[in-house]
Amino acid sequence: MSSGSFDRVKDAIEVFRWRPELSIDQIPAPQRIAPHAYAIEAIVGMVGDAEVGTGRLIVLHDPAGNPAWQGTYRCVSYAHADIDVEMVTDPLLAEVGWTWLTDALLGAGAGYHDASGTVTAVSSRSFGELEGEPDRAEVEIRASWTPAFDDDLDITPHLAAWQALLCTTAGLPPLPEGIIPLTTRLDR
């Protein structure tokens, strides 16, 4: 597959219809991992509210293939959000966090293989001069997978899955296909 096929993938990323709660920007992609790479960054926020999550997605392409990927494309994802302090002590949080990814891929119809990653949950308590700050807890999901593309190189299901992962991690409710969320005047 040529760089022209990667251009089709980049074009699909650039025209993807993101949920209105996501702010997406292209960022510099790593240059040494694969001959072709495209990266985006997301800020997840509610209308009128502060940021509730962040993420990055990098799509890598090596026309010669990569034995570690078992393919010519690789999606590399990062999702991060604050969570309730009580959630960080749940022993199943890591497993549940991983199912957020696999369920998102399955739900979007994104064929994939060779998925790998980590789910990290941390809590913070402030002391000394910062003692008045509230306790914080965060979850971070780092994952990568090889898209099982047909000849059409349709990245769209993988973008939909990444979007669902970001929104689930940040605690946003699922949004059925074709539905636009309504906001109240209080959200502005």
N, C-alpha and C. Protein backbone atom coordinates (compact mmCIF):
# COMPACT_ATOMS: atom_id res chain seq x y z
N MET A 1 0.84 -1.18 0.00
CA MET A 1 0.00 0.00 0.00
C MET A 1 0.88 1.24 0.00
N SER A 2 0.54 2.16 -0.80
CA SER A 2 1.37 3.35 -1.00
C SER A 2 1.00 4.46 -0.02
N SER A 3 1.78 5.54 -0.13
CA SER A 3 1.46 6.71 0.70
C SER A 3 0.13 7.31 0.29
N GLY A 4 -0.31 7.05 -0.98
CA GLY A 4 -1.63 7.51 -1.41
C GLY A 4 -2.73 6.90 -0.59
N SER A 5 -2.56 5.62 -0.19
CA SER A 5 -3.57 4.99 0.66
C SER A 5 -3.57 5.64 2.04
N PHE A 6 -2.39 6.04 2.52
CA PHE A 6 -2.33 6.73 3.81
C PHE A 6 -2.99 8.09 3.72
N ASP A 7 -2.86 8.75 2.58
CA ASP A 7 -3.55 10.03 2.38
C ASP A 7 -5.06 9.87 2.50
N ARG A 8 -5.61 8.74 2.03
CA ARG A 8 -7.05 8.49 2.17
C ARG A 8 -7.43 8.35 3.63
N VAL A 9 -6.57 7.70 4.40
CA VAL A 9 -6.82 7.55 5.84
C VAL A 9 -6.78 8.92 6.52
N LYS A 10 -5.77 9.73 6.20
CA LYS A 10 -5.67 11.08 6.79
C LYS A 10 -6.90 11.92 6.42
N ASP A 11 -7.32 11.84 5.18
CA ASP A 11 -8.50 12.60 4.75
C ASP A 11 -9.73 12.19 5.55
N ALA A 12 -9.87 10.89 5.79
CA ALA A 12 -11.03 10.40 6.57
C ALA A 12 -10.99 10.92 8.00
N ILE A 13 -9.80 11.01 8.57
CA ILE A 13 -9.67 11.55 9.93
C ILE A 13 -10.08 13.02 9.95
N GLU A 14 -9.64 13.75 8.94
CA GLU A 14 -9.90 15.19 8.90
C GLU A 14 -11.37 15.54 8.69
N VAL A 15 -12.15 14.65 8.07
CA VAL A 15 -13.56 14.96 7.82
C VAL A 15 -14.50 14.21 8.75
N PHE A 16 -13.95 13.44 9.68
CA PHE A 16 -14.80 12.68 10.61
C PHE A 16 -15.69 13.64 11.41
N ARG A 17 -16.92 13.25 11.63
CA ARG A 17 -17.86 14.08 12.39
C ARG A 17 -17.77 13.74 13.88
N TRP A 18 -17.06 14.57 14.62
CA TRP A 18 -16.83 14.35 16.06
C TRP A 18 -18.02 14.87 16.87
N ARG A 19 -18.22 14.28 18.02
CA ARG A 19 -19.25 14.79 18.94
C ARG A 19 -18.92 16.22 19.31
N PRO A 20 -19.97 17.03 19.57
CA PRO A 20 -19.72 18.45 19.87
C PRO A 20 -18.95 18.66 21.18
N GLU A 21 -18.93 17.68 22.06
CA GLU A 21 -18.19 17.83 23.32
C GLU A 21 -16.68 17.65 23.14
N LEU A 22 -16.26 17.22 21.95
CA LEU A 22 -14.85 17.01 21.69
C LEU A 22 -14.28 18.14 20.84
N SER A 23 -13.12 18.61 21.26
CA SER A 23 -12.36 19.57 20.47
C SER A 23 -11.14 18.82 19.95
N ILE A 24 -11.03 18.71 18.62
CA ILE A 24 -9.98 17.90 17.99
C ILE A 24 -9.01 18.80 17.24
N ASP A 25 -7.73 18.55 17.44
CA ASP A 25 -6.68 19.28 16.73
C ASP A 25 -5.61 18.30 16.26
N GLN A 26 -5.04 18.57 15.10
CA GLN A 26 -3.90 17.80 14.64
C GLN A 26 -2.69 18.24 15.46
N ILE A 27 -1.86 17.27 15.81
CA ILE A 27 -0.63 17.54 16.56
C ILE A 27 0.54 16.87 15.82
N PRO A 28 1.77 17.25 16.14
CA PRO A 28 2.90 16.59 15.49
C PRO A 28 2.90 15.09 15.80
N ALA A 29 3.13 14.30 14.76
CA ALA A 29 3.17 12.84 14.92
C ALA A 29 4.61 12.38 15.09
N PRO A 30 4.81 11.26 15.77
CA PRO A 30 6.17 10.73 15.90
C PRO A 30 6.72 10.39 14.51
N GLN A 31 8.00 10.63 14.30
CA GLN A 31 8.60 10.44 12.98
C GLN A 31 9.41 9.16 12.84
N ARG A 32 9.78 8.52 13.93
CA ARG A 32 10.71 7.39 13.86
C ARG A 32 10.04 6.03 13.93
N ILE A 33 8.77 5.96 14.26
CA ILE A 33 8.12 4.68 14.46
C ILE A 33 7.71 4.03 13.14
N ALA A 34 7.25 4.86 12.20
CA ALA A 34 6.77 4.35 10.92
C ALA A 34 7.01 5.42 9.86
N PRO A 35 7.09 5.01 8.59
CA PRO A 35 7.29 6.00 7.53
C PRO A 35 6.16 7.03 7.43
N HIS A 36 4.96 6.65 7.82
CA HIS A 36 3.82 7.56 7.76
C HIS A 36 3.12 7.57 9.12
N ALA A 37 2.77 8.76 9.60
CA ALA A 37 2.08 8.88 10.88
C ALA A 37 1.22 10.14 10.86
N TYR A 38 0.08 10.05 11.53
CA TYR A 38 -0.82 11.19 11.66
C TYR A 38 -1.36 11.16 13.08
N ALA A 39 -1.36 12.31 13.74
CA ALA A 39 -1.77 12.35 15.15
C ALA A 39 -2.77 13.46 15.39
N ILE A 40 -3.72 13.15 16.27
CA ILE A 40 -4.70 14.14 16.71
C ILE A 40 -4.78 14.11 18.23
N GLU A 41 -5.24 15.23 18.75
CA GLU A 41 -5.42 15.39 20.19
C GLU A 41 -6.86 15.80 20.43
N ALA A 42 -7.43 15.32 21.52
CA ALA A 42 -8.81 15.67 21.86
C ALA A 42 -8.88 16.24 23.26
N ILE A 43 -9.72 17.23 23.40
CA ILE A 43 -10.11 17.72 24.72
C ILE A 43 -11.60 17.43 24.83
N VAL A 44 -11.97 16.73 25.89
CA VAL A 44 -13.37 16.38 26.11
C VAL A 44 -13.92 17.35 27.14
N GLY A 45 -14.98 18.05 26.78
CA GLY A 45 -15.59 19.00 27.69
C GLY A 45 -17.07 19.08 27.45
N MET A 46 -17.78 19.46 28.46
CA MET A 46 -19.22 19.69 28.33
C MET A 46 -19.41 21.14 27.91
N VAL A 47 -20.49 21.43 27.24
CA VAL A 47 -20.77 22.80 26.83
C VAL A 47 -20.86 23.67 28.08
N GLY A 48 -20.04 24.70 28.13
CA GLY A 48 -20.05 25.60 29.27
C GLY A 48 -19.30 25.10 30.48
N ASP A 49 -18.74 23.92 30.42
CA ASP A 49 -17.99 23.36 31.55
C ASP A 49 -16.51 23.29 31.23
N ALA A 50 -15.75 22.93 32.24
CA ALA A 50 -14.31 22.76 32.07
C ALA A 50 -14.01 21.42 31.39
N GLU A 51 -12.76 21.26 31.05
CA GLU A 51 -12.27 20.02 30.46
C GLU A 51 -12.53 18.84 31.40
N VAL A 52 -13.07 17.74 30.85
CA VAL A 52 -13.31 16.55 31.68
C VAL A 52 -12.46 15.36 31.25
N GLY A 53 -11.74 15.50 30.15
CA GLY A 53 -10.87 14.42 29.71
C GLY A 53 -10.01 14.87 28.54
N THR A 54 -9.00 14.08 28.27
CA THR A 54 -8.12 14.35 27.14
C THR A 54 -7.75 13.04 26.47
N GLY A 55 -7.23 13.16 25.27
CA GLY A 55 -6.79 11.96 24.58
C GLY A 55 -5.94 12.29 23.37
N ARG A 56 -5.27 11.28 22.87
CA ARG A 56 -4.50 11.38 21.65
C ARG A 56 -4.70 10.09 20.86
N LEU A 57 -4.68 10.24 19.54
CA LEU A 57 -4.73 9.08 18.65
C LEU A 57 -3.68 9.28 17.58
N ILE A 58 -2.86 8.26 17.41
CA ILE A 58 -1.85 8.28 16.37
C ILE A 58 -2.12 7.10 15.45
N VAL A 59 -2.20 7.37 14.16
CA VAL A 59 -2.35 6.31 13.17
C VAL A 59 -1.01 6.19 12.45
N LEU A 60 -0.43 4.99 12.54
CA LEU A 60 0.87 4.71 11.94
C LEU A 60 0.68 3.83 10.71
N HIS A 61 1.55 4.01 9.72
CA HIS A 61 1.49 3.18 8.52
C HIS A 61 2.90 2.88 8.03
N ASP A 62 3.18 1.60 7.90
CA ASP A 62 4.43 1.14 7.31
C ASP A 62 4.06 0.24 6.14
N PRO A 63 4.21 0.72 4.91
CA PRO A 63 3.82 -0.08 3.74
C PRO A 63 4.50 -1.45 3.69
N ALA A 64 5.68 -1.57 4.27
CA ALA A 64 6.39 -2.85 4.28
C ALA A 64 5.86 -3.79 5.35
N GLY A 65 4.99 -3.29 6.20
CA GLY A 65 4.47 -4.10 7.31
C GLY A 65 5.40 -4.05 8.50
N ASN A 66 4.87 -4.39 9.64
CA ASN A 66 5.65 -4.42 10.86
C ASN A 66 5.30 -5.71 11.59
N PRO A 67 6.27 -6.59 11.82
CA PRO A 67 5.97 -7.88 12.46
C PRO A 67 5.34 -7.73 13.85
N ALA A 68 5.70 -6.67 14.58
CA ALA A 68 5.11 -6.47 15.91
C ALA A 68 3.63 -6.13 15.82
N TRP A 69 3.23 -5.48 14.71
CA TRP A 69 1.83 -5.09 14.53
C TRP A 69 1.02 -6.19 13.86
N GLN A 70 1.71 -7.08 13.13
CA GLN A 70 1.02 -8.07 12.29
C GLN A 70 0.16 -7.37 11.25
N GLY A 71 0.70 -6.29 10.68
CA GLY A 71 -0.03 -5.55 9.67
C GLY A 71 0.77 -4.33 9.21
N THR A 72 0.12 -3.50 8.40
CA THR A 72 0.78 -2.30 7.88
C THR A 72 0.30 -1.02 8.56
N TYR A 73 -0.78 -1.11 9.35
CA TYR A 73 -1.32 0.04 10.08
C TYR A 73 -1.35 -0.29 11.57
N ARG A 74 -1.27 0.74 12.39
CA ARG A 74 -1.40 0.59 13.84
C ARG A 74 -2.04 1.85 14.39
N CYS A 75 -3.02 1.67 15.26
CA CYS A 75 -3.64 2.79 15.99
C CYS A 75 -3.07 2.78 17.40
N VAL A 76 -2.61 3.95 17.85
CA VAL A 76 -2.06 4.10 19.19
C VAL A 76 -2.90 5.16 19.89
N SER A 77 -3.46 4.79 21.04
CA SER A 77 -4.43 5.64 21.72
C SER A 77 -4.04 5.94 23.15
N TYR A 78 -4.46 7.11 23.58
CA TYR A 78 -4.30 7.54 24.97
C TYR A 78 -5.60 8.22 25.37
N ALA A 79 -6.15 7.85 26.51
CA ALA A 79 -7.35 8.51 27.05
C ALA A 79 -7.12 8.75 28.54
N HIS A 80 -7.50 9.93 29.02
CA HIS A 80 -7.27 10.31 30.41
C HIS A 80 -8.46 11.11 30.91
N ALA A 81 -8.86 10.84 32.15
CA ALA A 81 -9.95 11.62 32.76
C ALA A 81 -9.87 11.53 34.28
N ASP A 82 -10.39 12.57 34.91
CA ASP A 82 -10.58 12.52 36.36
C ASP A 82 -11.76 11.60 36.65
N ILE A 83 -11.69 10.88 37.76
CA ILE A 83 -12.79 10.00 38.16
C ILE A 83 -13.09 10.25 39.63
N ASP A 84 -14.19 9.71 40.10
CA ASP A 84 -14.53 9.80 41.51
C ASP A 84 -13.45 9.11 42.34
N VAL A 85 -13.09 9.71 43.46
CA VAL A 85 -12.04 9.17 44.32
C VAL A 85 -12.37 7.73 44.74
N GLU A 86 -13.63 7.43 44.95
CA GLU A 86 -14.02 6.08 45.38
C GLU A 86 -13.74 5.04 44.29
N MET A 87 -13.81 5.44 43.03
CA MET A 87 -13.59 4.50 41.93
C MET A 87 -12.17 3.97 41.88
N VAL A 88 -11.20 4.78 42.29
CA VAL A 88 -9.80 4.39 42.16
C VAL A 88 -9.46 3.19 43.04
N THR A 89 -10.24 2.95 44.08
CA THR A 89 -9.97 1.82 44.97
C THR A 89 -10.68 0.55 44.51
N ASP A 90 -11.49 0.63 43.47
CA ASP A 90 -12.20 -0.55 42.96
C ASP A 90 -11.20 -1.49 42.30
N PRO A 91 -11.06 -2.72 42.77
CA PRO A 91 -10.07 -3.63 42.20
C PRO A 91 -10.38 -4.02 40.75
N LEU A 92 -11.59 -3.78 40.29
CA LEU A 92 -11.95 -4.13 38.92
C LEU A 92 -11.83 -2.96 37.94
N LEU A 93 -11.39 -1.80 38.42
CA LEU A 93 -11.32 -0.63 37.55
C LEU A 93 -10.45 -0.87 36.32
N ALA A 94 -9.31 -1.51 36.48
CA ALA A 94 -8.43 -1.75 35.34
C ALA A 94 -9.12 -2.63 34.30
N GLU A 95 -9.75 -3.71 34.74
CA GLU A 95 -10.45 -4.59 33.81
C GLU A 95 -11.60 -3.87 33.13
N VAL A 96 -12.33 -3.09 33.89
CA VAL A 96 -13.45 -2.33 33.32
C VAL A 96 -12.92 -1.30 32.32
N GLY A 97 -11.84 -0.63 32.66
CA GLY A 97 -11.24 0.34 31.74
C GLY A 97 -10.83 -0.29 30.42
N TRP A 98 -10.29 -1.51 30.48
CA TRP A 98 -9.91 -2.19 29.24
C TRP A 98 -11.16 -2.56 28.42
N THR A 99 -12.24 -2.94 29.10
CA THR A 99 -13.46 -3.26 28.34
C THR A 99 -14.06 -2.01 27.70
N TRP A 100 -13.78 -0.83 28.24
CA TRP A 100 -14.24 0.39 27.58
C TRP A 100 -13.66 0.44 26.17
N LEU A 101 -12.40 0.05 26.04
CA LEU A 101 -11.77 0.03 24.71
C LEU A 101 -12.35 -1.08 23.85
N THR A 102 -12.34 -2.31 24.34
CA THR A 102 -12.78 -3.43 23.51
C THR A 102 -14.26 -3.33 23.17
N ASP A 103 -15.08 -2.86 24.10
CA ASP A 103 -16.50 -2.66 23.80
C ASP A 103 -16.70 -1.56 22.75
N ALA A 104 -15.87 -0.49 22.83
CA ALA A 104 -15.97 0.60 21.86
C ALA A 104 -15.61 0.09 20.46
N LEU A 105 -14.56 -0.70 20.36
CA LEU A 105 -14.17 -1.25 19.06
C LEU A 105 -15.26 -2.18 18.51
N LEU A 106 -15.77 -3.04 19.36
CA LEU A 106 -16.83 -3.96 18.95
C LEU A 106 -18.10 -3.20 18.55
N GLY A 107 -18.49 -2.23 19.38
CA GLY A 107 -19.71 -1.46 19.13
C GLY A 107 -19.64 -0.64 17.86
N ALA A 108 -18.44 -0.21 17.47
CA ALA A 108 -18.28 0.59 16.25
C ALA A 108 -18.08 -0.29 15.02
N GLY A 109 -17.99 -1.59 15.23
CA GLY A 109 -17.74 -2.48 14.10
C GLY A 109 -16.32 -2.35 13.56
N ALA A 110 -15.38 -1.99 14.44
CA ALA A 110 -13.98 -1.80 14.05
C ALA A 110 -13.23 -3.11 14.20
N GLY A 111 -13.01 -3.81 13.10
CA GLY A 111 -12.23 -5.04 13.17
C GLY A 111 -10.80 -4.73 13.58
N TYR A 112 -10.25 -5.56 14.44
CA TYR A 112 -8.90 -5.31 14.93
C TYR A 112 -8.28 -6.62 15.41
N HIS A 113 -6.97 -6.58 15.61
CA HIS A 113 -6.26 -7.69 16.24
C HIS A 113 -5.00 -7.14 16.90
N ASP A 114 -4.35 -7.98 17.67
CA ASP A 114 -3.11 -7.62 18.35
C ASP A 114 -3.23 -6.37 19.22
N ALA A 115 -4.31 -6.28 19.98
CA ALA A 115 -4.49 -5.16 20.91
C ALA A 115 -3.60 -5.36 22.13
N SER A 116 -3.07 -4.26 22.62
CA SER A 116 -2.28 -4.31 23.86
C SER A 116 -2.39 -2.95 24.54
N GLY A 117 -2.10 -2.93 25.83
CA GLY A 117 -2.15 -1.65 26.52
C GLY A 117 -2.15 -1.77 28.02
N THR A 118 -2.35 -0.63 28.66
CA THR A 118 -2.39 -0.57 30.12
C THR A 118 -3.53 0.33 30.56
N VAL A 119 -4.04 0.06 31.74
CA VAL A 119 -5.00 0.93 32.40
C VAL A 119 -4.38 1.29 33.75
N THR A 120 -4.23 2.58 33.98
CA THR A 120 -3.61 3.06 35.21
C THR A 120 -4.59 3.94 35.95
N ALA A 121 -4.74 3.68 37.23
CA ALA A 121 -5.59 4.52 38.09
C ALA A 121 -4.71 5.02 39.24
N VAL A 122 -4.78 6.32 39.49
CA VAL A 122 -3.98 6.91 40.56
C VAL A 122 -4.86 7.86 41.38
N SER A 123 -4.47 8.00 42.64
CA SER A 123 -5.14 8.99 43.49
C SER A 123 -4.08 9.90 44.10
N SER A 124 -4.50 11.11 44.38
CA SER A 124 -3.58 12.10 44.95
C SER A 124 -4.23 12.78 46.15
N ARG A 125 -3.45 12.97 47.20
CA ARG A 125 -3.88 13.73 48.37
C ARG A 125 -2.84 14.80 48.63
N SER A 126 -3.29 16.00 48.86
CA SER A 126 -2.39 17.14 49.05
C SER A 126 -2.05 17.32 50.52
N PHE A 127 -0.82 17.82 50.76
CA PHE A 127 -0.33 18.04 52.12
C PHE A 127 0.38 19.39 52.20
N GLY A 128 0.68 19.80 53.40
CA GLY A 128 1.41 21.04 53.62
C GLY A 128 0.60 22.24 53.14
N GLU A 129 1.23 23.10 52.39
CA GLU A 129 0.58 24.31 51.87
C GLU A 129 -0.60 23.98 50.96
N LEU A 130 -0.64 22.78 50.42
CA LEU A 130 -1.72 22.39 49.51
C LEU A 130 -2.81 21.57 50.21
N GLU A 131 -2.74 21.47 51.53
CA GLU A 131 -3.62 20.59 52.28
C GLU A 131 -5.11 20.86 52.05
N GLY A 132 -5.47 22.05 51.70
CA GLY A 132 -6.87 22.38 51.49
C GLY A 132 -7.43 21.89 50.15
N GLU A 133 -6.56 21.44 49.26
CA GLU A 133 -7.00 20.95 47.96
C GLU A 133 -7.75 19.63 48.13
N PRO A 134 -8.80 19.42 47.33
CA PRO A 134 -9.54 18.15 47.44
C PRO A 134 -8.71 16.98 46.90
N ASP A 135 -9.01 15.79 47.39
CA ASP A 135 -8.37 14.58 46.86
C ASP A 135 -8.76 14.44 45.39
N ARG A 136 -7.87 13.83 44.61
CA ARG A 136 -8.11 13.65 43.17
C ARG A 136 -7.86 12.20 42.80
N ALA A 137 -8.55 11.76 41.77
CA ALA A 137 -8.30 10.43 41.21
C ALA A 137 -8.40 10.53 39.70
N GLU A 138 -7.58 9.75 39.02
CA GLU A 138 -7.52 9.80 37.56
C GLU A 138 -7.40 8.38 37.01
N VAL A 139 -7.91 8.19 35.80
CA VAL A 139 -7.71 6.94 35.08
C VAL A 139 -7.08 7.29 33.74
N GLU A 140 -6.17 6.42 33.31
CA GLU A 140 -5.46 6.62 32.05
C GLU A 140 -5.44 5.29 31.30
N ILE A 141 -5.86 5.31 30.06
CA ILE A 141 -5.87 4.10 29.24
C ILE A 141 -4.94 4.34 28.06
N ARG A 142 -3.90 3.55 27.99
CA ARG A 142 -2.96 3.57 26.86
C ARG A 142 -3.13 2.26 26.13
N ALA A 143 -3.39 2.33 24.84
CA ALA A 143 -3.66 1.11 24.09
C ALA A 143 -3.23 1.26 22.65
N SER A 144 -2.98 0.14 22.02
CA SER A 144 -2.73 0.13 20.58
C SER A 144 -3.35 -1.13 20.00
N TRP A 145 -3.71 -1.06 18.74
CA TRP A 145 -4.31 -2.19 18.05
C TRP A 145 -4.03 -2.07 16.56
N THR A 146 -4.09 -3.20 15.89
CA THR A 146 -3.92 -3.24 14.44
C THR A 146 -5.30 -3.30 13.80
N PRO A 147 -5.66 -2.30 13.01
CA PRO A 147 -6.95 -2.34 12.34
C PRO A 147 -6.98 -3.48 11.32
N ALA A 148 -8.08 -4.19 11.28
CA ALA A 148 -8.28 -5.25 10.29
C ALA A 148 -9.03 -4.62 9.12
N PHE A 149 -8.29 -3.89 8.29
CA PHE A 149 -8.88 -3.18 7.16
C PHE A 149 -9.20 -4.14 6.02
N ASP A 150 -10.28 -3.84 5.32
CA ASP A 150 -10.49 -4.45 4.01
C ASP A 150 -9.71 -3.59 3.03
N ASP A 151 -9.90 -3.82 1.75
CA ASP A 151 -9.20 -3.03 0.74
C ASP A 151 -9.62 -1.56 0.76
N ASP A 152 -10.76 -1.25 1.40
CA ASP A 152 -11.26 0.12 1.39
C ASP A 152 -10.54 1.04 2.38
N LEU A 153 -9.75 0.47 3.31
CA LEU A 153 -9.01 1.26 4.32
C LEU A 153 -9.93 2.21 5.09
N ASP A 154 -11.09 1.73 5.49
CA ASP A 154 -12.05 2.58 6.20
C ASP A 154 -11.66 2.71 7.67
N ILE A 155 -11.07 3.84 8.01
CA ILE A 155 -10.65 4.13 9.39
C ILE A 155 -11.81 4.60 10.25
N THR A 156 -12.93 4.94 9.62
CA THR A 156 -14.06 5.54 10.34
C THR A 156 -14.51 4.74 11.56
N PRO A 157 -14.68 3.42 11.49
CA PRO A 157 -15.09 2.69 12.71
C PRO A 157 -14.08 2.82 13.85
N HIS A 158 -12.81 2.93 13.52
CA HIS A 158 -11.78 3.07 14.55
C HIS A 158 -11.82 4.45 15.19
N LEU A 159 -12.16 5.46 14.39
CA LEU A 159 -12.33 6.81 14.94
C LEU A 159 -13.55 6.85 15.85
N ALA A 160 -14.64 6.20 15.42
CA ALA A 160 -15.85 6.15 16.25
C ALA A 160 -15.57 5.42 17.56
N ALA A 161 -14.76 4.36 17.50
CA ALA A 161 -14.42 3.62 18.71
C ALA A 161 -13.56 4.47 19.64
N TRP A 162 -12.59 5.18 19.09
CA TRP A 162 -11.74 6.03 19.92
C TRP A 162 -12.57 7.13 20.57
N GLN A 163 -13.48 7.71 19.81
CA GLN A 163 -14.37 8.73 20.36
C GLN A 163 -15.21 8.16 21.50
N ALA A 164 -15.75 6.96 21.32
CA ALA A 164 -16.54 6.32 22.37
C ALA A 164 -15.68 6.04 23.60
N LEU A 165 -14.44 5.61 23.40
CA LEU A 165 -13.54 5.38 24.52
C LEU A 165 -13.31 6.67 25.30
N LEU A 166 -13.02 7.76 24.60
CA LEU A 166 -12.80 9.05 25.27
C LEU A 166 -14.02 9.46 26.08
N CYS A 167 -15.18 9.36 25.47
CA CYS A 167 -16.40 9.81 26.14
C CYS A 167 -16.74 8.92 27.33
N THR A 168 -16.56 7.62 27.19
CA THR A 168 -16.82 6.72 28.32
C THR A 168 -15.85 7.00 29.45
N THR A 169 -14.58 7.16 29.13
CA THR A 169 -13.56 7.43 30.15
C THR A 169 -13.88 8.73 30.90
N ALA A 170 -14.36 9.72 30.16
CA ALA A 170 -14.68 11.03 30.76
C ALA A 170 -16.06 11.07 31.41
N GLY A 171 -16.82 9.98 31.31
CA GLY A 171 -18.11 9.91 31.97
C GLY A 171 -19.27 10.50 31.17
N LEU A 172 -19.08 10.72 29.87
CA LEU A 172 -20.18 11.23 29.05
C LEU A 172 -21.08 10.07 28.64
N PRO A 173 -22.37 10.30 28.59
CA PRO A 173 -23.27 9.22 28.19
C PRO A 173 -23.09 8.89 26.71
N PRO A 174 -23.39 7.63 26.33
CA PRO A 174 -23.30 7.28 24.91
C PRO A 174 -24.29 8.10 24.09
N LEU A 175 -23.94 8.35 22.87
CA LEU A 175 -24.79 9.12 21.97
C LEU A 175 -25.07 8.26 20.74
N PRO A 176 -26.31 7.83 20.56
CA PRO A 176 -26.62 6.99 19.41
C PRO A 176 -26.30 7.69 18.09
N GLU A 177 -25.96 6.89 17.08
CA GLU A 177 -25.62 7.40 15.75
C GLU A 177 -26.71 8.33 15.24
N GLY A 178 -26.30 9.51 14.76
CA GLY A 178 -27.24 10.45 14.16
C GLY A 178 -27.96 11.35 15.14
N ILE A 179 -27.72 11.19 16.43
CA ILE A 179 -28.39 12.00 17.45
C ILE A 179 -27.45 13.13 17.88
N ILE A 180 -27.98 14.33 17.95
CA ILE A 180 -27.22 15.49 18.41
C ILE A 180 -27.72 15.84 19.80
N PRO A 181 -26.80 15.99 20.79
CA PRO A 181 -27.25 16.27 22.15
C PRO A 181 -27.87 17.66 22.25
N LEU A 182 -28.91 17.75 23.04
CA LEU A 182 -29.54 19.04 23.32
C LEU A 182 -28.90 19.61 24.57
N THR A 183 -28.74 20.91 24.60
CA THR A 183 -28.19 21.56 25.78
C THR A 183 -29.25 22.51 26.33
N THR A 184 -29.16 22.78 27.60
CA THR A 184 -30.08 23.73 28.20
C THR A 184 -29.43 25.09 28.26
N ARG A 185 -30.20 26.09 28.54
CA ARG A 185 -29.63 27.44 28.65
C ARG A 185 -28.64 27.55 29.79
N LEU A 186 -28.77 26.70 30.79
CA LEU A 186 -27.84 26.73 31.91
C LEU A 186 -26.46 26.26 31.52
N ASP A 187 -26.34 25.49 30.42
CA ASP A 187 -25.04 24.99 29.98
C ASP A 187 -24.20 26.04 29.30
N ARG A 188 -24.76 27.17 28.93
CA ARG A 188 -24.00 28.16 28.16
C ARG A 188 -23.22 29.09 29.02
